[in-house]
Amino acid sequence: MSDALERVLDHLAIRELTARYNRAFDDVDSEAWADTFTPDGVMEYSGGPPIFGRDALIEMSRKTGYGFVHITTDPIIEVDGDRATQSCTLIVANRSKAGDPVAIAMTGRYEDELVRTADGWRFERRKATLDVNLGG
């Protein structure tokens, strides 16, 4: 396979991983959301403590619950062998209830460290720098 084709396939796979992350979190499919990380993956977000490992990720997803729509855009992806980084813009909207107006809840940026695994690309560390402070 040519280097250019491999690069395109890696970028597409990382973008799909990001989409699966968004959809699983928004649908509170906690196991599927945790599956986007390595087993010892870390999630960080501004104002909150880091969340380490699969069990803690699942618990965080379940506690956060239903009510958001994550939108990611403008990904900048750099692949170096079996490791990659991604920086992308994050927009979070409140999920509409029965026709209520949808509002933007927050914006920010994800800074990601990814690794290629036997199951494909996974987040090793995902840091969300948000334009709001969720730490209380």
Protein backbone atom coordinates (compact mmCIF):
# COMPACT_ATOMS: atom_id res chain seq x y z
CA MET A 1 0.00 0.00 0.00
CA SER A 2 1.34 3.46 -0.80
CA ASP A 3 2.26 5.86 2.00
CA ALA A 4 -0.31 8.38 0.74
CA LEU A 5 -3.12 5.81 0.80
CA GLU A 6 -2.10 4.59 4.27
CA ARG A 7 -2.11 8.20 5.51
CA VAL A 8 -5.62 8.78 4.14
CA LEU A 9 -6.91 5.54 5.69
CA ASP A 10 -5.39 6.44 9.07
CA HIS A 11 -6.99 9.90 8.97
CA LEU A 12 -10.38 8.43 8.06
CA ALA A 13 -10.13 5.83 10.83
CA ILE A 14 -9.28 8.50 13.43
CA ARG A 15 -12.17 10.69 12.27
CA GLU A 16 -14.52 7.71 12.52
CA LEU A 17 -13.22 6.93 16.02
CA THR A 18 -13.99 10.53 16.99
CA ALA A 19 -17.52 10.20 15.57
CA ARG A 20 -18.06 6.92 17.48
CA TYR A 21 -16.84 8.65 20.67
CA ASN A 22 -19.34 11.50 20.15
CA ARG A 23 -22.30 9.31 19.38
CA ALA A 24 -21.64 6.79 22.17
CA PHE A 25 -21.24 9.55 24.77
CA ASP A 26 -24.38 11.37 23.61
CA ASP A 27 -26.41 8.14 23.65
CA VAL A 28 -24.97 7.11 27.05
CA ASP A 29 -23.64 3.90 25.53
CA SER A 30 -20.98 3.86 28.22
CA GLU A 31 -19.22 0.65 27.22
CA ALA A 32 -19.00 1.71 23.56
CA TRP A 33 -17.68 5.11 24.67
CA ALA A 34 -15.01 3.49 26.86
CA ASP A 35 -14.12 1.23 23.90
CA THR A 36 -12.86 4.31 22.02
CA PHE A 37 -10.02 4.46 24.58
CA THR A 38 -7.19 2.07 25.34
CA PRO A 39 -7.93 0.00 28.49
CA ASP A 40 -5.75 2.40 30.53
CA GLY A 41 -6.90 5.49 28.62
CA VAL A 42 -7.18 8.90 30.25
CA MET A 43 -9.84 11.59 29.78
CA GLU A 44 -9.10 15.10 30.99
CA TYR A 45 -11.33 18.14 30.88
CA SER A 46 -10.78 21.65 32.14
CA GLY A 47 -11.98 22.12 35.69
CA GLY A 48 -12.18 18.42 36.48
CA PRO A 49 -9.89 15.65 37.68
CA PRO A 50 -8.42 13.22 35.11
CA ILE A 51 -10.38 10.01 34.62
CA PHE A 52 -8.10 6.96 34.36
CA GLY A 53 -9.01 3.55 32.95
CA ARG A 54 -12.02 1.77 31.53
CA ASP A 55 -14.08 1.38 34.73
CA ALA A 56 -13.74 5.06 35.65
CA LEU A 57 -14.58 6.12 32.08
CA ILE A 58 -17.76 4.01 32.11
CA GLU A 59 -18.77 5.45 35.48
CA MET A 60 -18.18 9.03 34.28
CA SER A 61 -20.28 8.43 31.15
CA ARG A 62 -23.17 6.99 33.17
CA LYS A 63 -23.10 9.86 35.68
CA THR A 64 -23.08 12.54 32.98
CA GLY A 65 -26.17 11.08 31.35
CA TYR A 66 -28.27 12.00 28.37
CA GLY A 67 -28.67 15.59 27.27
CA PHE A 68 -25.81 16.60 24.97
CA VAL A 69 -24.86 16.51 21.32
CA HIS A 70 -21.10 16.61 20.70
CA ILE A 71 -19.94 18.07 17.40
CA THR A 72 -16.27 17.98 16.41
CA THR A 73 -14.82 19.81 13.46
CA ASP A 74 -11.58 21.06 11.91
CA PRO A 75 -9.44 18.03 12.83
CA ILE A 76 -5.69 18.36 12.45
CA ILE A 77 -4.23 14.85 12.53
CA GLU A 78 -0.56 13.89 12.56
CA VAL A 79 0.34 10.20 12.24
CA ASP A 80 3.77 8.84 13.15
CA GLY A 81 3.77 5.07 12.72
CA ASP A 82 1.48 3.55 15.34
CA ARG A 83 0.99 6.82 17.23
CA ALA A 84 -0.97 9.91 16.28
CA THR A 85 -2.15 13.25 17.59
CA GLN A 86 -5.36 15.05 16.78
CA SER A 87 -6.52 18.55 17.58
CA CYS A 88 -10.14 19.37 16.82
CA THR A 89 -12.73 21.98 17.72
CA LEU A 90 -15.54 20.90 20.03
CA ILE A 91 -19.08 22.26 20.06
CA VAL A 92 -21.56 20.88 22.59
CA ALA A 93 -25.26 21.56 22.13
CA ASN A 94 -28.05 20.81 24.57
CA ARG A 95 -30.17 17.97 23.24
CA SER A 96 -33.63 19.21 22.33
CA LYS A 97 -36.66 17.90 24.20
CA ALA A 98 -39.85 17.66 22.15
CA GLY A 99 -39.17 20.61 19.91
CA ASP A 100 -37.46 22.90 22.43
CA PRO A 101 -34.93 25.26 20.86
CA VAL A 102 -31.41 23.85 20.73
CA ALA A 103 -28.71 25.96 22.37
CA ILE A 104 -24.93 25.79 22.30
CA ALA A 105 -23.87 24.73 25.79
CA MET A 106 -20.10 25.11 25.35
CA THR A 107 -17.21 25.10 22.94
CA GLY A 108 -13.60 24.11 23.27
CA ARG A 109 -10.88 21.99 21.79
CA TYR A 110 -9.80 18.37 22.09
CA GLU A 111 -6.09 17.55 22.11
CA ASP A 112 -5.69 13.82 21.57
CA GLU A 113 -2.95 11.23 21.76
CA LEU A 114 -3.87 8.04 19.91
CA VAL A 115 -2.34 4.62 19.41
CA ARG A 116 -2.95 1.98 16.78
CA THR A 117 -4.11 -1.24 18.46
CA ALA A 118 -5.12 -4.66 17.15
CA ASP A 119 -8.69 -3.26 17.15
CA GLY A 120 -7.77 -0.05 15.32
CA TRP A 121 -7.00 3.46 16.52
CA ARG A 122 -7.87 4.28 20.15
CA PHE A 123 -7.53 7.33 22.37
CA GLU A 124 -4.69 6.94 24.83
CA ARG A 125 -5.25 10.41 26.26
CA ARG A 126 -7.96 12.90 25.39
CA LYS A 127 -7.88 16.39 26.84
CA ALA A 128 -10.85 18.74 26.45
CA THR A 129 -10.06 22.38 27.07
CA LEU A 130 -13.48 23.94 27.45
CA ASP A 131 -14.56 27.56 27.35
CA VAL A 132 -16.49 26.99 30.59
CA ASN A 133 -15.32 25.73 33.98
CA LEU A 134 -17.06 22.47 34.93
CA GLY A 135 -15.09 22.14 38.16
CA GLY A 136 -17.65 24.03 40.21
